Protein backbone atom coordinates (compact mmCIF):
# COMPACT_ATOMS: atom_id res chain seq x y z
CA MET A 1 95.93 136.84 81.87
CA GLU A 2 93.42 137.31 84.67
CA GLN A 3 90.84 135.23 82.81
CA ASN A 4 93.37 132.42 82.35
CA LYS A 5 94.08 132.41 86.06
CA LYS A 6 90.37 132.45 86.81
CA PHE A 7 89.69 129.36 84.70
CA LYS A 8 92.74 127.45 85.94
CA LEU A 9 90.97 124.55 87.65
CA VAL A 10 93.86 122.70 89.32
CA SER A 11 97.09 124.22 90.54
CA SER A 12 100.31 122.22 90.86
CA LYS A 13 99.88 122.20 94.63
CA LYS A 14 96.38 120.75 94.36
CA THR A 15 97.63 118.16 91.89
CA ARG A 16 100.15 116.92 94.46
CA TYR A 17 97.32 116.30 96.92
CA LEU A 18 94.98 114.89 94.27
CA LEU A 19 97.14 112.12 92.79
CA PRO A 20 97.69 110.05 95.98
CA ASN A 21 94.01 110.37 96.91
CA ILE A 22 92.97 109.11 93.46
CA LEU A 23 95.05 105.98 94.07
CA THR A 24 93.44 105.61 97.50
CA LEU A 25 89.93 105.91 96.05
CA ALA A 26 90.84 103.38 93.36
CA GLY A 27 91.59 100.98 96.21
CA VAL A 28 88.07 101.49 97.58
CA CYS A 29 86.57 100.73 94.16
CA LEU A 30 88.67 97.57 93.88
CA GLY A 31 87.63 96.41 97.35
CA ILE A 32 83.91 96.94 96.72
CA SER A 33 84.17 95.36 93.26
CA SER A 34 85.84 92.28 94.77
CA ILE A 35 82.71 91.71 96.89
CA LYS A 36 80.58 91.89 93.74
CA PHE A 37 82.78 89.31 91.98
CA SER A 38 82.63 86.99 94.99
CA ILE A 39 78.81 87.19 94.94
CA ASP A 40 78.99 86.20 91.26
CA GLY A 41 81.23 83.26 92.18
CA ASN A 42 84.31 84.68 90.45
CA PHE A 43 86.63 84.24 93.43
CA SER A 44 89.88 84.33 91.47
CA LEU A 45 89.16 87.84 90.17
CA ALA A 46 87.97 88.90 93.63
CA VAL A 47 91.32 87.85 95.15
CA ILE A 48 93.26 89.62 92.38
CA PHE A 49 91.32 92.84 93.06
CA ILE A 50 92.29 92.67 96.76
CA LEU A 51 95.92 92.13 95.72
CA VAL A 52 95.86 95.20 93.45
CA ALA A 53 94.19 97.21 96.23
CA ALA A 54 97.04 96.21 98.58
CA ILE A 55 99.62 97.32 95.99
CA LEU A 56 97.88 100.69 95.60
CA ASP A 57 97.76 101.04 99.38
CA ALA A 58 101.52 100.54 99.51
CA LEU A 59 102.07 103.09 96.73
CA ASP A 60 99.74 105.98 97.62
CA GLY A 61 101.58 106.97 100.81
CA ARG A 62 105.00 106.68 99.20
CA ILE A 63 103.92 108.76 96.22
CA ALA A 64 102.40 111.37 98.54
CA ARG A 65 105.67 111.68 100.45
CA LEU A 66 107.70 111.70 97.23
CA ILE A 67 105.77 114.57 95.63
CA LYS A 68 105.13 116.30 98.99
CA GLY A 69 101.42 115.73 98.75
CA THR A 70 100.72 114.42 102.26
CA SER A 71 97.71 115.81 104.10
CA GLU A 72 95.49 115.05 107.09
CA PHE A 73 92.61 114.42 104.67
CA GLY A 74 94.72 111.85 102.84
CA LYS A 75 95.60 110.07 106.08
CA GLU A 76 91.95 109.79 107.13
CA LEU A 77 90.88 108.70 103.66
CA ASP A 78 93.59 106.04 103.60
CA SER A 79 92.41 104.66 106.93
CA LEU A 80 88.78 104.46 105.79
CA THR A 81 89.86 102.84 102.54
CA ASP A 82 91.86 100.23 104.44
CA PHE A 83 88.77 99.26 106.42
CA VAL A 84 86.67 98.81 103.28
CA SER A 85 89.33 97.07 101.17
CA PHE A 86 90.93 94.92 103.89
CA GLY A 87 88.47 94.92 106.80
CA ILE A 88 85.25 94.19 104.93
CA ALA A 89 85.93 92.97 101.37
CA PRO A 90 88.29 90.02 102.11
CA VAL A 91 86.14 88.52 104.86
CA PHE A 92 83.00 88.87 102.71
CA ILE A 93 84.80 87.06 99.90
CA LEU A 94 85.59 84.34 102.41
CA TYR A 95 81.99 84.37 103.65
CA PHE A 96 80.50 83.85 100.18
CA TRP A 97 83.11 81.15 99.49
CA GLN A 98 82.93 79.07 102.66
CA LEU A 99 81.95 80.79 105.94
CA ASN A 100 78.26 80.95 104.99
CA ASN A 101 78.20 77.15 105.24
CA TYR A 102 78.71 77.49 109.02
CA GLY A 103 75.50 79.45 109.57
CA LYS A 104 75.51 81.81 112.53
CA LEU A 105 79.05 80.78 113.47
CA GLY A 106 80.33 81.78 110.03
CA TRP A 107 78.63 85.18 110.30
CA ALA A 108 80.05 85.65 113.82
CA VAL A 109 83.56 84.98 112.48
CA THR A 110 82.91 87.50 109.69
CA LEU A 111 81.89 90.16 112.20
CA LEU A 112 84.81 89.31 114.49
CA TYR A 113 87.35 89.93 111.75
CA SER A 114 85.79 93.24 110.69
CA VAL A 115 85.60 94.49 114.29
CA CYS A 116 89.21 93.51 114.97
CA CYS A 117 90.32 95.28 111.79
CA VAL A 118 88.57 98.55 112.65
CA LEU A 119 90.01 98.42 116.18
CA ARG A 120 93.47 97.84 114.74
CA LEU A 121 93.13 100.85 112.40
CA ALA A 122 91.82 103.09 115.19
CA ARG A 123 94.78 102.15 117.40
CA PHE A 124 97.21 102.77 114.55
CA ASN A 125 95.81 106.29 114.00
CA LEU A 126 96.37 107.12 117.67
CA THR A 127 99.87 105.66 117.90
CA LYS A 128 102.54 108.26 118.56
CA ILE A 129 106.25 107.45 118.74
CA GLU A 130 108.59 109.61 120.80
CA ASN A 131 111.81 110.92 119.25
CA LYS A 132 113.96 108.71 121.47
CA GLU A 133 112.12 105.64 120.14
CA LEU A 134 112.31 106.35 116.41
CA TRP A 135 113.56 102.79 115.81
CA LYS A 136 109.97 101.68 116.50
CA ASN A 137 109.00 103.19 113.13
CA ASN A 138 110.44 100.01 111.62
CA PHE A 139 107.67 97.97 113.28
CA PHE A 140 103.90 97.77 113.32
CA GLU A 141 101.96 96.85 116.43
CA GLY A 142 100.04 93.79 115.32
CA VAL A 143 99.49 92.59 111.77
CA PRO A 144 98.62 95.56 109.48
CA ALA A 145 95.21 95.59 107.78
CA PRO A 146 96.43 94.94 104.18
CA ALA A 147 98.47 91.94 105.31
CA GLY A 148 95.54 90.66 107.37
CA GLY A 149 93.19 91.01 104.41
CA LEU A 150 95.42 88.88 102.22
CA LEU A 151 96.26 86.38 104.96
CA ILE A 152 92.66 85.40 105.70
CA LEU A 153 92.26 84.63 102.00
CA MET A 154 95.07 82.04 102.08
CA PRO A 155 92.69 79.03 102.32
CA LEU A 156 90.83 80.31 99.26
CA ILE A 157 94.09 81.12 97.46
CA PHE A 158 95.27 77.57 98.18
CA GLU A 159 92.10 76.20 96.55
CA LEU A 160 92.65 78.43 93.52
CA SER A 161 96.30 77.40 93.12
CA ASN A 162 97.62 74.33 91.33
CA ILE A 163 99.05 72.93 94.57
CA ASP A 164 97.46 69.64 95.58
CA LEU A 165 98.33 68.40 99.07
CA LYS A 166 95.19 66.27 99.46
CA LEU A 167 94.02 68.54 102.28
CA ASN A 168 90.52 69.89 102.78
CA ILE A 169 91.68 73.46 103.41
CA LYS A 170 88.10 74.78 103.43
CA ASN A 171 87.58 73.35 106.90
CA PHE A 172 90.41 75.51 108.27
CA ALA A 173 88.96 78.79 106.96
CA PRO A 174 86.99 79.88 110.09
CA TYR A 175 89.78 78.96 112.51
CA PHE A 176 92.44 80.66 110.40
CA THR A 177 90.26 83.78 110.18
CA ILE A 178 89.94 83.85 113.99
CA LEU A 179 93.73 83.54 114.31
CA ILE A 180 94.39 86.45 111.94
CA SER A 181 91.71 88.51 113.72
CA ILE A 182 93.58 88.06 117.00
CA LEU A 183 96.89 88.97 115.37
CA LEU A 184 95.34 92.20 114.04
CA VAL A 185 94.53 93.52 117.52
CA SER A 186 97.52 91.93 119.23
CA LYS A 187 100.62 93.84 120.24
CA VAL A 188 102.92 91.45 118.41
CA PRO A 189 105.56 93.60 116.65
CA THR A 190 105.69 93.04 112.89
CA LEU A 191 108.32 94.42 110.54
CA SER A 192 107.43 97.52 108.53
CA LEU A 193 109.06 98.27 105.17
CA LYS A 194 107.88 101.90 105.06
CA LYS A 195 111.04 103.41 106.52
CA ILE A 196 113.55 101.13 104.80
CA SER A 197 115.87 103.07 102.49
CA ILE A 198 117.68 101.52 99.54
CA SER A 199 121.24 102.58 98.74
CA PRO A 200 121.97 103.55 95.10
CA LYS A 201 124.22 100.50 94.73
CA ALA A 202 121.41 98.18 95.76
CA THR A 203 118.83 99.76 93.45
CA ILE A 204 119.59 97.39 90.57
CA PHE A 205 119.04 94.37 92.83
CA MET A 206 115.79 95.87 94.11
CA LEU A 207 114.55 96.37 90.54
CA LEU A 208 115.52 92.80 89.64
CA GLY A 209 113.63 91.57 92.69
CA ILE A 210 110.53 93.60 91.81
CA GLY A 211 110.70 92.33 88.24
CA THR A 212 110.97 88.72 89.41
CA ILE A 213 108.01 89.14 91.76
CA PHE A 214 105.95 90.78 89.00
CA ILE A 215 106.64 87.92 86.58
CA SER A 216 105.84 85.35 89.28
CA LEU A 217 102.53 87.08 90.05
CA LEU A 218 101.75 87.27 86.34
CA TYR A 219 102.26 83.56 85.61
CA TYR A 220 101.87 81.94 89.06
CA THR A 221 99.58 84.42 90.83
CA PHE A 222 98.08 82.26 93.55
CA GLU A 223 101.19 80.14 94.16
CA THR A 224 103.25 83.33 94.61
CA LEU A 225 100.67 84.78 97.01
CA LEU A 226 100.76 81.57 99.03
CA GLY A 227 104.54 81.80 99.23
CA PHE A 228 104.38 85.41 100.44
CA GLY A 229 101.75 84.52 103.02
CA PHE A 230 103.78 81.58 104.30
CA PHE A 231 106.98 83.60 104.64
CA TYR A 232 105.09 86.46 106.30
CA LEU A 233 103.77 84.12 108.98
CA ILE A 234 107.28 82.77 109.50
CA SER A 235 108.59 86.34 109.84
CA LEU A 236 106.34 87.07 112.84
CA PRO A 237 108.51 85.33 115.47
CA VAL A 238 111.62 86.81 113.77
CA SER A 239 110.10 90.30 114.05
CA PHE A 240 109.28 89.68 117.69
CA PHE A 241 112.87 88.62 118.42
CA ILE A 242 114.38 91.65 116.62
CA TYR A 243 111.99 94.04 118.39
CA LYS A 244 112.70 92.64 121.85
CA ASN A 245 116.44 92.75 121.19
CA LYS A 246 116.27 96.43 120.18
CA GLU A 247 114.01 97.22 123.13
CA LYS A 248 116.46 95.55 125.51
CA LYS A 249 119.37 97.60 124.13
CA GLU A 250 117.30 100.79 124.38
CA ASN A 251 116.43 100.08 128.02
CA ILE A 252 120.10 99.45 128.86
CA GLU A 253 121.18 102.73 127.22
CA THR A 254 118.39 104.63 128.99
CA SER A 255 119.35 103.22 132.39
CA GLU A 256 123.00 104.10 131.78
CA ASP A 257 122.06 107.69 130.86
CA GLU A 258 119.93 108.02 133.99
CA HIS A 259 122.79 106.63 136.08
CA GLU A 260 125.19 109.22 134.63
CA ASP A 261 122.70 112.01 135.36
CA VAL A 262 122.51 110.93 139.00
CA LEU A 263 126.29 110.95 139.30
């Protein structure tokens, strides 16, 4: 019995910590591989790898919380992975596709995006929300790194899609990248889906929705990504309005409580 315990390599507790981190590391591999494919000129596969990395990024944290495998190591690893997969890889794909044609300006835009992304991640790691402001957990401050990584690829995704609007989208790539870079470090509130809970009655509709999205991505990958990117950009002013409305209500309730305390 003692020998069996001695040669037991992984305990159930260690497995809980290991599984989410494996998914996180897979995201790093996908991000780095996407750069390699963009160098080879295979931009469609490079974009797909970034998409899969974003899906893994959305899953690893949820799985960690589900199996009680969260850890400080996992949090730090996830942040570093986000920088590689969404702060470096997407903009390098864009650089090898179009930004390199702009010379020093294209390289400056590439650096700008990466710097803005690392600043955004550093700020996110230091963000602490007080108990009385738990509603803020439903929002990010600025565009999150995975969304930013996919958004800057929208001009390339448009070129890869079957949509033909007779527009030279390539020319918009550097300006669109600058815009997304600013949104990354901005304080514009954006909706977060991390804390949204689904009631048992709505589970079937959620599964149908996920199935529909999966089929759309399978057969109309780039067109579906364009649709998501478009609706995400539209959601930004909606998120801002919802946030300000909640903040206004919170301030009113706080002032009323302080008034009662004085009385």
